[in-house]
mmCIF file of all heavy atoms, coordinates in Angstrom:
data_MODEL
# 
_entry.id   MODEL 
# 
loop_
_atom_site.group_PDB 
_atom_site.id 
_atom_site.type_symbol 
_atom_site.label_atom_id 
_atom_site.label_alt_id 
_atom_site.label_comp_id 
_atom_site.label_asym_id 
_atom_site.label_entity_id 
_atom_site.label_seq_id 
_atom_site.pdbx_PDB_ins_code 
_atom_site.Cartn_x 
_atom_site.Cartn_y 
_atom_site.Cartn_z 
_atom_site.occupancy 
_atom_site.B_iso_or_equiv 
_atom_site.pdbx_formal_charge 
_atom_site.auth_seq_id 
_atom_site.auth_comp_id 
_atom_site.auth_asym_id 
_atom_site.auth_atom_id 
_atom_site.pdbx_PDB_model_num 
ATOM 1   N N   . THR A 1 1  ? -29.400 8.239  -5.457  1.00 0.00 ? 1  THR A N   1 
ATOM 2   C CA  . THR A 1 1  ? -28.686 8.326  -6.750  1.00 0.00 ? 1  THR A CA  1 
ATOM 3   C C   . THR A 1 1  ? -27.921 9.472  -7.011  1.00 0.00 ? 1  THR A C   1 
ATOM 4   O O   . THR A 1 1  ? -28.453 10.714 -6.746  1.00 0.00 ? 1  THR A O   1 
ATOM 5   C CB  . THR A 1 1  ? -29.929 8.264  -7.873  1.00 0.00 ? 1  THR A CB  1 
ATOM 6   O OG1 . THR A 1 1  ? -30.558 6.993  -7.991  1.00 0.00 ? 1  THR A OG1 1 
ATOM 7   C CG2 . THR A 1 1  ? -29.305 8.465  -9.273  1.00 0.00 ? 1  THR A CG2 1 
ATOM 8   N N   . ALA A 1 2  ? -26.649 9.316  -7.281  1.00 0.00 ? 2  ALA A N   1 
ATOM 9   C CA  . ALA A 1 2  ? -25.778 10.511 -7.475  1.00 0.00 ? 2  ALA A CA  1 
ATOM 10  C C   . ALA A 1 2  ? -24.457 9.943  -7.965  1.00 0.00 ? 2  ALA A C   1 
ATOM 11  O O   . ALA A 1 2  ? -24.153 8.772  -8.009  1.00 0.00 ? 2  ALA A O   1 
ATOM 12  C CB  . ALA A 1 2  ? -25.541 11.205 -6.088  1.00 0.00 ? 2  ALA A CB  1 
ATOM 13  N N   . VAL A 1 3  ? -23.615 10.925 -8.294  1.00 0.00 ? 3  VAL A N   1 
ATOM 14  C CA  . VAL A 1 3  ? -22.121 10.740 -8.515  1.00 0.00 ? 3  VAL A CA  1 
ATOM 15  C C   . VAL A 1 3  ? -21.488 10.785 -7.198  1.00 0.00 ? 3  VAL A C   1 
ATOM 16  O O   . VAL A 1 3  ? -21.660 11.736 -6.315  1.00 0.00 ? 3  VAL A O   1 
ATOM 17  C CB  . VAL A 1 3  ? -21.514 11.600 -9.358  1.00 0.00 ? 3  VAL A CB  1 
ATOM 18  C CG1 . VAL A 1 3  ? -19.934 11.211 -9.535  1.00 0.00 ? 3  VAL A CG1 1 
ATOM 19  C CG2 . VAL A 1 3  ? -22.025 11.443 -10.807 1.00 0.00 ? 3  VAL A CG2 1 
ATOM 20  N N   . TYR A 1 4  ? -20.760 9.719  -6.689  1.00 0.00 ? 4  TYR A N   1 
ATOM 21  C CA  . TYR A 1 4  ? -20.310 9.735  -5.409  1.00 0.00 ? 4  TYR A CA  1 
ATOM 22  C C   . TYR A 1 4  ? -18.614 9.996  -5.451  1.00 0.00 ? 4  TYR A C   1 
ATOM 23  O O   . TYR A 1 4  ? -17.935 9.358  -6.327  1.00 0.00 ? 4  TYR A O   1 
ATOM 24  C CB  . TYR A 1 4  ? -20.439 8.293  -4.752  1.00 0.00 ? 4  TYR A CB  1 
ATOM 25  C CG  . TYR A 1 4  ? -21.752 8.163  -4.243  1.00 0.00 ? 4  TYR A CG  1 
ATOM 26  C CD1 . TYR A 1 4  ? -22.921 8.033  -4.943  1.00 0.00 ? 4  TYR A CD1 1 
ATOM 27  C CD2 . TYR A 1 4  ? -21.892 8.110  -2.792  1.00 0.00 ? 4  TYR A CD2 1 
ATOM 28  C CE1 . TYR A 1 4  ? -24.115 7.983  -4.455  1.00 0.00 ? 4  TYR A CE1 1 
ATOM 29  C CE2 . TYR A 1 4  ? -23.242 8.025  -2.199  1.00 0.00 ? 4  TYR A CE2 1 
ATOM 30  C CZ  . TYR A 1 4  ? -24.347 8.020  -3.000  1.00 0.00 ? 4  TYR A CZ  1 
ATOM 31  O OH  . TYR A 1 4  ? -25.610 7.917  -2.464  1.00 0.00 ? 4  TYR A OH  1 
ATOM 32  N N   . TYR A 1 5  ? -18.171 10.962 -4.751  1.00 0.00 ? 5  TYR A N   1 
ATOM 33  C CA  . TYR A 1 5  ? -16.894 11.429 -4.867  1.00 0.00 ? 5  TYR A CA  1 
ATOM 34  C C   . TYR A 1 5  ? -16.000 11.017 -3.549  1.00 0.00 ? 5  TYR A C   1 
ATOM 35  O O   . TYR A 1 5  ? -16.630 11.317 -2.471  1.00 0.00 ? 5  TYR A O   1 
ATOM 36  C CB  . TYR A 1 5  ? -16.821 12.953 -5.122  1.00 0.00 ? 5  TYR A CB  1 
ATOM 37  C CG  . TYR A 1 5  ? -17.306 13.407 -6.435  1.00 0.00 ? 5  TYR A CG  1 
ATOM 38  C CD1 . TYR A 1 5  ? -18.784 13.820 -6.544  1.00 0.00 ? 5  TYR A CD1 1 
ATOM 39  C CD2 . TYR A 1 5  ? -16.540 13.392 -7.497  1.00 0.00 ? 5  TYR A CD2 1 
ATOM 40  C CE1 . TYR A 1 5  ? -19.178 14.256 -7.700  1.00 0.00 ? 5  TYR A CE1 1 
ATOM 41  C CE2 . TYR A 1 5  ? -17.081 13.795 -8.810  1.00 0.00 ? 5  TYR A CE2 1 
ATOM 42  C CZ  . TYR A 1 5  ? -18.385 14.182 -8.734  1.00 0.00 ? 5  TYR A CZ  1 
ATOM 43  O OH  . TYR A 1 5  ? -18.800 14.632 -10.149 1.00 0.00 ? 5  TYR A OH  1 
ATOM 44  N N   . CYS A 1 6  ? -14.801 10.681 -3.690  1.00 0.00 ? 6  CYS A N   1 
ATOM 45  C CA  . CYS A 1 6  ? -13.965 10.473 -2.595  1.00 0.00 ? 6  CYS A CA  1 
ATOM 46  C C   . CYS A 1 6  ? -13.087 11.687 -2.584  1.00 0.00 ? 6  CYS A C   1 
ATOM 47  O O   . CYS A 1 6  ? -12.728 12.322 -3.667  1.00 0.00 ? 6  CYS A O   1 
ATOM 48  C CB  . CYS A 1 6  ? -13.163 9.295  -2.706  1.00 0.00 ? 6  CYS A CB  1 
ATOM 49  S SG  . CYS A 1 6  ? -11.964 8.979  -1.456  1.00 0.00 ? 6  CYS A SG  1 
ATOM 50  N N   . ALA A 1 7  ? -12.755 12.288 -1.282  1.00 0.00 ? 7  ALA A N   1 
ATOM 51  C CA  . ALA A 1 7  ? -11.940 13.467 -1.237  1.00 0.00 ? 7  ALA A CA  1 
ATOM 52  C C   . ALA A 1 7  ? -11.072 13.370 0.014   1.00 0.00 ? 7  ALA A C   1 
ATOM 53  O O   . ALA A 1 7  ? -11.311 12.568 1.071   1.00 0.00 ? 7  ALA A O   1 
ATOM 54  C CB  . ALA A 1 7  ? -12.827 14.600 -1.053  1.00 0.00 ? 7  ALA A CB  1 
ATOM 55  N N   . SER A 1 8  ? -9.841  14.071 0.011   1.00 0.00 ? 8  SER A N   1 
ATOM 56  C CA  . SER A 1 8  ? -8.929  14.073 1.031   1.00 0.00 ? 8  SER A CA  1 
ATOM 57  C C   . SER A 1 8  ? -8.961  15.403 1.822   1.00 0.00 ? 8  SER A C   1 
ATOM 58  O O   . SER A 1 8  ? -8.918  16.438 1.186   1.00 0.00 ? 8  SER A O   1 
ATOM 59  C CB  . SER A 1 8  ? -7.552  13.720 0.400   1.00 0.00 ? 8  SER A CB  1 
ATOM 60  O OG  . SER A 1 8  ? -6.534  14.086 1.313   1.00 0.00 ? 8  SER A OG  1 
ATOM 61  N N   . THR A 1 9  ? -8.899  15.437 3.052   1.00 0.00 ? 9  THR A N   1 
ATOM 62  C CA  . THR A 1 9  ? -8.573  16.663 3.894   1.00 0.00 ? 9  THR A CA  1 
ATOM 63  C C   . THR A 1 9  ? -7.542  16.524 4.880   1.00 0.00 ? 9  THR A C   1 
ATOM 64  O O   . THR A 1 9  ? -7.279  15.462 5.434   1.00 0.00 ? 9  THR A O   1 
ATOM 65  C CB  . THR A 1 9  ? -10.019 16.959 4.492   1.00 0.00 ? 9  THR A CB  1 
ATOM 66  O OG1 . THR A 1 9  ? -9.753  18.214 5.356   1.00 0.00 ? 9  THR A OG1 1 
ATOM 67  C CG2 . THR A 1 9  ? -10.447 15.859 5.514   1.00 0.00 ? 9  THR A CG2 1 
ATOM 68  N N   . PRO A 1 10 ? -6.750  17.636 5.042   1.00 0.00 ? 10 PRO A N   1 
ATOM 69  C CA  . PRO A 1 10 ? -5.696  17.599 6.028   1.00 0.00 ? 10 PRO A CA  1 
ATOM 70  C C   . PRO A 1 10 ? -6.367  18.041 7.467   1.00 0.00 ? 10 PRO A C   1 
ATOM 71  O O   . PRO A 1 10 ? -5.490  18.151 8.387   1.00 0.00 ? 10 PRO A O   1 
ATOM 72  C CB  . PRO A 1 10 ? -4.798  18.718 5.551   1.00 0.00 ? 10 PRO A CB  1 
ATOM 73  C CG  . PRO A 1 10 ? -5.633  19.673 4.761   1.00 0.00 ? 10 PRO A CG  1 
ATOM 74  C CD  . PRO A 1 10 ? -6.724  18.953 4.164   1.00 0.00 ? 10 PRO A CD  1 
ATOM 75  N N   . TYR A 1 11 ? -7.534  18.386 7.449   1.00 0.00 ? 11 TYR A N   1 
ATOM 76  C CA  . TYR A 1 11 ? -8.178  18.844 8.715   1.00 0.00 ? 11 TYR A CA  1 
ATOM 77  C C   . TYR A 1 11 ? -8.875  17.832 9.483   1.00 0.00 ? 11 TYR A C   1 
ATOM 78  O O   . TYR A 1 11 ? -9.378  16.831 8.996   1.00 0.00 ? 11 TYR A O   1 
ATOM 79  C CB  . TYR A 1 11 ? -9.155  20.006 8.391   1.00 0.00 ? 11 TYR A CB  1 
ATOM 80  C CG  . TYR A 1 11 ? -8.572  21.165 7.700   1.00 0.00 ? 11 TYR A CG  1 
ATOM 81  C CD1 . TYR A 1 11 ? -8.773  21.342 6.240   1.00 0.00 ? 11 TYR A CD1 1 
ATOM 82  C CD2 . TYR A 1 11 ? -7.784  22.093 8.381   1.00 0.00 ? 11 TYR A CD2 1 
ATOM 83  C CE1 . TYR A 1 11 ? -8.254  22.505 5.616   1.00 0.00 ? 11 TYR A CE1 1 
ATOM 84  C CE2 . TYR A 1 11 ? -7.140  23.176 7.705   1.00 0.00 ? 11 TYR A CE2 1 
ATOM 85  C CZ  . TYR A 1 11 ? -7.460  23.303 6.377   1.00 0.00 ? 11 TYR A CZ  1 
ATOM 86  O OH  . TYR A 1 11 ? -6.795  24.374 5.709   1.00 0.00 ? 11 TYR A OH  1 
ATOM 87  N N   . GLY A 1 12 ? -8.875  18.150 10.843  1.00 0.00 ? 12 GLY A N   1 
ATOM 88  C CA  . GLY A 1 12 ? -9.479  17.072 11.716  1.00 0.00 ? 12 GLY A CA  1 
ATOM 89  C C   . GLY A 1 12 ? -10.868 17.485 12.227  1.00 0.00 ? 12 GLY A C   1 
ATOM 90  O O   . GLY A 1 12 ? -11.303 16.784 13.195  1.00 0.00 ? 12 GLY A O   1 
ATOM 91  N N   . SER A 1 13 ? -11.446 18.423 11.764  1.00 0.00 ? 13 SER A N   1 
ATOM 92  C CA  . SER A 1 13 ? -12.798 18.888 12.050  1.00 0.00 ? 13 SER A CA  1 
ATOM 93  C C   . SER A 1 13 ? -13.468 19.446 10.768  1.00 0.00 ? 13 SER A C   1 
ATOM 94  O O   . SER A 1 13 ? -12.889 19.716 9.916   1.00 0.00 ? 13 SER A O   1 
ATOM 95  C CB  . SER A 1 13 ? -12.698 20.005 13.231  1.00 0.00 ? 13 SER A CB  1 
ATOM 96  O OG  . SER A 1 13 ? -12.053 21.174 12.775  1.00 0.00 ? 13 SER A OG  1 
ATOM 97  N N   . ARG A 1 14 ? -14.849 19.616 11.028  1.00 0.00 ? 14 ARG A N   1 
ATOM 98  C CA  . ARG A 1 14 ? -15.701 20.178 10.081  1.00 0.00 ? 14 ARG A CA  1 
ATOM 99  C C   . ARG A 1 14 ? -15.638 19.458 8.748   1.00 0.00 ? 14 ARG A C   1 
ATOM 100 O O   . ARG A 1 14 ? -15.564 20.017 7.661   1.00 0.00 ? 14 ARG A O   1 
ATOM 101 C CB  . ARG A 1 14 ? -15.455 21.768 9.878   1.00 0.00 ? 14 ARG A CB  1 
ATOM 102 C CG  . ARG A 1 14 ? -15.564 22.533 11.119  1.00 0.00 ? 14 ARG A CG  1 
ATOM 103 C CD  . ARG A 1 14 ? -15.969 23.876 10.972  1.00 0.00 ? 14 ARG A CD  1 
ATOM 104 N NE  . ARG A 1 14 ? -14.824 24.709 10.218  1.00 0.00 ? 14 ARG A NE  1 
ATOM 105 C CZ  . ARG A 1 14 ? -15.035 25.921 9.774   1.00 0.00 ? 14 ARG A CZ  1 
ATOM 106 N NH1 . ARG A 1 14 ? -16.211 26.529 9.925   1.00 0.00 ? 14 ARG A NH1 1 
ATOM 107 N NH2 . ARG A 1 14 ? -14.066 26.575 9.162   1.00 0.00 ? 14 ARG A NH2 1 
ATOM 108 N N   . TRP A 1 15 ? -15.642 18.159 8.778   1.00 0.00 ? 15 TRP A N   1 
ATOM 109 C CA  . TRP A 1 15 ? -15.506 17.295 7.626   1.00 0.00 ? 15 TRP A CA  1 
ATOM 110 C C   . TRP A 1 15 ? -16.667 17.432 6.688   1.00 0.00 ? 15 TRP A C   1 
ATOM 111 O O   . TRP A 1 15 ? -16.601 17.005 5.540   1.00 0.00 ? 15 TRP A O   1 
ATOM 112 C CB  . TRP A 1 15 ? -15.417 15.690 8.144   1.00 0.00 ? 15 TRP A CB  1 
ATOM 113 C CG  . TRP A 1 15 ? -14.028 15.491 8.686   1.00 0.00 ? 15 TRP A CG  1 
ATOM 114 C CD1 . TRP A 1 15 ? -12.959 16.169 8.710   1.00 0.00 ? 15 TRP A CD1 1 
ATOM 115 C CD2 . TRP A 1 15 ? -13.715 14.344 9.492   1.00 0.00 ? 15 TRP A CD2 1 
ATOM 116 N NE1 . TRP A 1 15 ? -11.969 15.593 9.433   1.00 0.00 ? 15 TRP A NE1 1 
ATOM 117 C CE2 . TRP A 1 15 ? -12.362 14.449 9.910   1.00 0.00 ? 15 TRP A CE2 1 
ATOM 118 C CE3 . TRP A 1 15 ? -14.525 13.228 9.839   1.00 0.00 ? 15 TRP A CE3 1 
ATOM 119 C CZ2 . TRP A 1 15 ? -11.809 13.515 10.738  1.00 0.00 ? 15 TRP A CZ2 1 
ATOM 120 C CZ3 . TRP A 1 15 ? -13.830 12.218 10.773  1.00 0.00 ? 15 TRP A CZ3 1 
ATOM 121 C CH2 . TRP A 1 15 ? -12.529 12.403 11.041  1.00 0.00 ? 15 TRP A CH2 1 
ATOM 122 N N   . TYR A 1 16 ? -17.744 18.041 7.211   1.00 0.00 ? 16 TYR A N   1 
ATOM 123 C CA  . TYR A 1 16 ? -19.071 18.248 6.419   1.00 0.00 ? 16 TYR A CA  1 
ATOM 124 C C   . TYR A 1 16 ? -18.786 19.346 5.310   1.00 0.00 ? 16 TYR A C   1 
ATOM 125 O O   . TYR A 1 16 ? -19.529 19.348 4.342   1.00 0.00 ? 16 TYR A O   1 
ATOM 126 C CB  . TYR A 1 16 ? -20.132 18.524 7.269   1.00 0.00 ? 16 TYR A CB  1 
ATOM 127 C CG  . TYR A 1 16 ? -19.940 19.647 8.079   1.00 0.00 ? 16 TYR A CG  1 
ATOM 128 C CD1 . TYR A 1 16 ? -19.967 20.985 7.812   1.00 0.00 ? 16 TYR A CD1 1 
ATOM 129 C CD2 . TYR A 1 16 ? -19.516 19.440 9.506   1.00 0.00 ? 16 TYR A CD2 1 
ATOM 130 C CE1 . TYR A 1 16 ? -19.769 22.104 8.609   1.00 0.00 ? 16 TYR A CE1 1 
ATOM 131 C CE2 . TYR A 1 16 ? -19.187 20.495 10.403  1.00 0.00 ? 16 TYR A CE2 1 
ATOM 132 C CZ  . TYR A 1 16 ? -19.340 21.766 9.914   1.00 0.00 ? 16 TYR A CZ  1 
ATOM 133 O OH  . TYR A 1 16 ? -19.084 22.839 10.835  1.00 0.00 ? 16 TYR A OH  1 
ATOM 134 N N   . ASP A 1 17 ? -17.814 20.059 5.495   1.00 0.00 ? 17 ASP A N   1 
ATOM 135 C CA  . ASP A 1 17 ? -17.461 21.247 4.617   1.00 0.00 ? 17 ASP A CA  1 
ATOM 136 C C   . ASP A 1 17 ? -16.615 21.007 3.479   1.00 0.00 ? 17 ASP A C   1 
ATOM 137 O O   . ASP A 1 17 ? -15.424 20.520 3.621   1.00 0.00 ? 17 ASP A O   1 
ATOM 138 C CB  . ASP A 1 17 ? -16.830 22.340 5.503   1.00 0.00 ? 17 ASP A CB  1 
ATOM 139 C CG  . ASP A 1 17 ? -16.611 23.688 4.700   1.00 0.00 ? 17 ASP A CG  1 
ATOM 140 O OD1 . ASP A 1 17 ? -16.903 23.718 3.432   1.00 0.00 ? 17 ASP A OD1 1 
ATOM 141 O OD2 . ASP A 1 17 ? -16.180 24.520 5.294   1.00 0.00 ? 17 ASP A OD2 1 
ATOM 142 N N   . PRO A 1 18 ? -17.087 20.919 2.308   1.00 0.00 ? 18 PRO A N   1 
ATOM 143 C CA  . PRO A 1 18 ? -16.330 20.458 1.157   1.00 0.00 ? 18 PRO A CA  1 
ATOM 144 C C   . PRO A 1 18 ? -15.150 21.361 0.933   1.00 0.00 ? 18 PRO A C   1 
ATOM 145 O O   . PRO A 1 18 ? -14.195 20.833 0.191   1.00 0.00 ? 18 PRO A O   1 
ATOM 146 C CB  . PRO A 1 18 ? -17.309 20.478 -0.071  1.00 0.00 ? 18 PRO A CB  1 
ATOM 147 C CG  . PRO A 1 18 ? -18.457 21.461 0.361   1.00 0.00 ? 18 PRO A CG  1 
ATOM 148 C CD  . PRO A 1 18 ? -18.436 21.308 1.902   1.00 0.00 ? 18 PRO A CD  1 
ATOM 149 N N   . HIS A 1 19 ? -15.184 22.567 1.340   1.00 0.00 ? 19 HIS A N   1 
ATOM 150 C CA  . HIS A 1 19 ? -14.111 23.490 1.192   1.00 0.00 ? 19 HIS A CA  1 
ATOM 151 C C   . HIS A 1 19 ? -12.702 23.017 1.907   1.00 0.00 ? 19 HIS A C   1 
ATOM 152 O O   . HIS A 1 19 ? -11.714 23.588 1.733   1.00 0.00 ? 19 HIS A O   1 
ATOM 153 C CB  . HIS A 1 19 ? -14.469 24.844 1.457   1.00 0.00 ? 19 HIS A CB  1 
ATOM 154 C CG  . HIS A 1 19 ? -15.532 25.438 0.432   1.00 0.00 ? 19 HIS A CG  1 
ATOM 155 N ND1 . HIS A 1 19 ? -16.740 25.636 0.914   1.00 0.00 ? 19 HIS A ND1 1 
ATOM 156 C CD2 . HIS A 1 19 ? -15.416 25.856 -0.724  1.00 0.00 ? 19 HIS A CD2 1 
ATOM 157 C CE1 . HIS A 1 19 ? -17.494 26.108 -0.035  1.00 0.00 ? 19 HIS A CE1 1 
ATOM 158 N NE2 . HIS A 1 19 ? -16.650 26.242 -1.078  1.00 0.00 ? 19 HIS A NE2 1 
ATOM 159 N N   . LYS A 1 20 ? -13.002 22.157 2.913   1.00 0.00 ? 20 LYS A N   1 
ATOM 160 C CA  . LYS A 1 20 ? -11.861 21.598 3.613   1.00 0.00 ? 20 LYS A CA  1 
ATOM 161 C C   . LYS A 1 20 ? -11.162 20.595 2.951   1.00 0.00 ? 20 LYS A C   1 
ATOM 162 O O   . LYS A 1 20 ? -9.958  20.151 3.424   1.00 0.00 ? 20 LYS A O   1 
ATOM 163 C CB  . LYS A 1 20 ? -12.326 21.052 4.997   1.00 0.00 ? 20 LYS A CB  1 
ATOM 164 C CG  . LYS A 1 20 ? -13.077 22.178 5.994   1.00 0.00 ? 20 LYS A CG  1 
ATOM 165 C CD  . LYS A 1 20 ? -12.154 23.250 6.293   1.00 0.00 ? 20 LYS A CD  1 
ATOM 166 C CE  . LYS A 1 20 ? -12.741 24.169 7.330   1.00 0.00 ? 20 LYS A CE  1 
ATOM 167 N NZ  . LYS A 1 20 ? -11.874 25.232 7.707   1.00 0.00 ? 20 LYS A NZ  1 
ATOM 168 N N   . TYR A 1 21 ? -11.543 20.109 1.821   1.00 0.00 ? 21 TYR A N   1 
ATOM 169 C CA  . TYR A 1 21 ? -10.967 18.964 1.144   1.00 0.00 ? 21 TYR A CA  1 
ATOM 170 C C   . TYR A 1 21 ? -10.077 19.576 0.000   1.00 0.00 ? 21 TYR A C   1 
ATOM 171 O O   . TYR A 1 21 ? -10.574 20.386 -0.795  1.00 0.00 ? 21 TYR A O   1 
ATOM 172 C CB  . TYR A 1 21 ? -11.990 17.973 0.639   1.00 0.00 ? 21 TYR A CB  1 
ATOM 173 C CG  . TYR A 1 21 ? -12.669 17.257 1.677   1.00 0.00 ? 21 TYR A CG  1 
ATOM 174 C CD1 . TYR A 1 21 ? -13.706 17.968 2.373   1.00 0.00 ? 21 TYR A CD1 1 
ATOM 175 C CD2 . TYR A 1 21 ? -12.330 16.038 2.017   1.00 0.00 ? 21 TYR A CD2 1 
ATOM 176 C CE1 . TYR A 1 21 ? -14.241 17.260 3.558   1.00 0.00 ? 21 TYR A CE1 1 
ATOM 177 C CE2 . TYR A 1 21 ? -12.921 15.351 3.084   1.00 0.00 ? 21 TYR A CE2 1 
ATOM 178 C CZ  . TYR A 1 21 ? -13.969 15.958 3.905   1.00 0.00 ? 21 TYR A CZ  1 
ATOM 179 O OH  . TYR A 1 21 ? -14.457 15.264 4.760   1.00 0.00 ? 21 TYR A OH  1 
ATOM 180 N N   . ASP A 1 22 ? -8.871  19.033 -0.171  1.00 0.00 ? 22 ASP A N   1 
ATOM 181 C CA  . ASP A 1 22 ? -7.974  19.688 -1.076  1.00 0.00 ? 22 ASP A CA  1 
ATOM 182 C C   . ASP A 1 22 ? -7.865  18.722 -2.386  1.00 0.00 ? 22 ASP A C   1 
ATOM 183 O O   . ASP A 1 22 ? -7.491  19.232 -3.359  1.00 0.00 ? 22 ASP A O   1 
ATOM 184 C CB  . ASP A 1 22 ? -6.617  19.797 -0.538  1.00 0.00 ? 22 ASP A CB  1 
ATOM 185 C CG  . ASP A 1 22 ? -5.961  18.711 0.381   1.00 0.00 ? 22 ASP A CG  1 
ATOM 186 O OD1 . ASP A 1 22 ? -6.688  17.606 0.383   1.00 0.00 ? 22 ASP A OD1 1 
ATOM 187 O OD2 . ASP A 1 22 ? -4.967  18.822 0.898   1.00 0.00 ? 22 ASP A OD2 1 
ATOM 188 N N   . TYR A 1 23 ? -8.072  17.431 -2.236  1.00 0.00 ? 23 TYR A N   1 
ATOM 189 C CA  . TYR A 1 23 ? -7.993  16.547 -3.497  1.00 0.00 ? 23 TYR A CA  1 
ATOM 190 C C   . TYR A 1 23 ? -9.296  15.701 -3.628  1.00 0.00 ? 23 TYR A C   1 
ATOM 191 O O   . TYR A 1 23 ? -9.776  15.343 -2.477  1.00 0.00 ? 23 TYR A O   1 
ATOM 192 C CB  . TYR A 1 23 ? -6.845  15.654 -3.309  1.00 0.00 ? 23 TYR A CB  1 
ATOM 193 C CG  . TYR A 1 23 ? -5.498  16.298 -3.308  1.00 0.00 ? 23 TYR A CG  1 
ATOM 194 C CD1 . TYR A 1 23 ? -4.803  16.556 -2.015  1.00 0.00 ? 23 TYR A CD1 1 
ATOM 195 C CD2 . TYR A 1 23 ? -4.846  16.720 -4.387  1.00 0.00 ? 23 TYR A CD2 1 
ATOM 196 C CE1 . TYR A 1 23 ? -3.688  17.248 -1.993  1.00 0.00 ? 23 TYR A CE1 1 
ATOM 197 C CE2 . TYR A 1 23 ? -3.686  17.466 -4.339  1.00 0.00 ? 23 TYR A CE2 1 
ATOM 198 C CZ  . TYR A 1 23 ? -3.056  17.629 -3.100  1.00 0.00 ? 23 TYR A CZ  1 
ATOM 199 O OH  . TYR A 1 23 ? -1.863  18.261 -3.103  1.00 0.00 ? 23 TYR A OH  1 
ATOM 200 N N   . TRP A 1 24 ? -9.746  15.533 -4.845  1.00 0.00 ? 24 TRP A N   1 
ATOM 201 C CA  . TRP A 1 24 ? -10.900 14.794 -5.161  1.00 0.00 ? 24 TRP A CA  1 
ATOM 202 C C   . TRP A 1 24 ? -10.702 13.807 -6.115  1.00 0.00 ? 24 TRP A C   1 
ATOM 203 O O   . TRP A 1 24 ? -9.867  13.982 -7.060  1.00 0.00 ? 24 TRP A O   1 
ATOM 204 C CB  . TRP A 1 24 ? -11.934 15.848 -5.606  1.00 0.00 ? 24 TRP A CB  1 
ATOM 205 C CG  . TRP A 1 24 ? -12.436 16.888 -4.514  1.00 0.00 ? 24 TRP A CG  1 
ATOM 206 C CD1 . TRP A 1 24 ? -11.740 17.869 -4.302  1.00 0.00 ? 24 TRP A CD1 1 
ATOM 207 C CD2 . TRP A 1 24 ? -13.515 16.860 -3.906  1.00 0.00 ? 24 TRP A CD2 1 
ATOM 208 N NE1 . TRP A 1 24 ? -12.526 18.660 -3.231  1.00 0.00 ? 24 TRP A NE1 1 
ATOM 209 C CE2 . TRP A 1 24 ? -13.662 17.867 -3.040  1.00 0.00 ? 24 TRP A CE2 1 
ATOM 210 C CE3 . TRP A 1 24 ? -14.721 15.926 -3.844  1.00 0.00 ? 24 TRP A CE3 1 
ATOM 211 C CZ2 . TRP A 1 24 ? -14.588 18.186 -2.142  1.00 0.00 ? 24 TRP A CZ2 1 
ATOM 212 C CZ3 . TRP A 1 24 ? -15.660 16.126 -2.902  1.00 0.00 ? 24 TRP A CZ3 1 
ATOM 213 C CH2 . TRP A 1 24 ? -15.656 17.392 -2.205  1.00 0.00 ? 24 TRP A CH2 1 
# 
């Protein structure tokens, strides 16, 4: 149970890091 967010990243690694995502 949670709010599920989609996000976009320009990076090809460390996808687990939310700071790598620029749009939500």
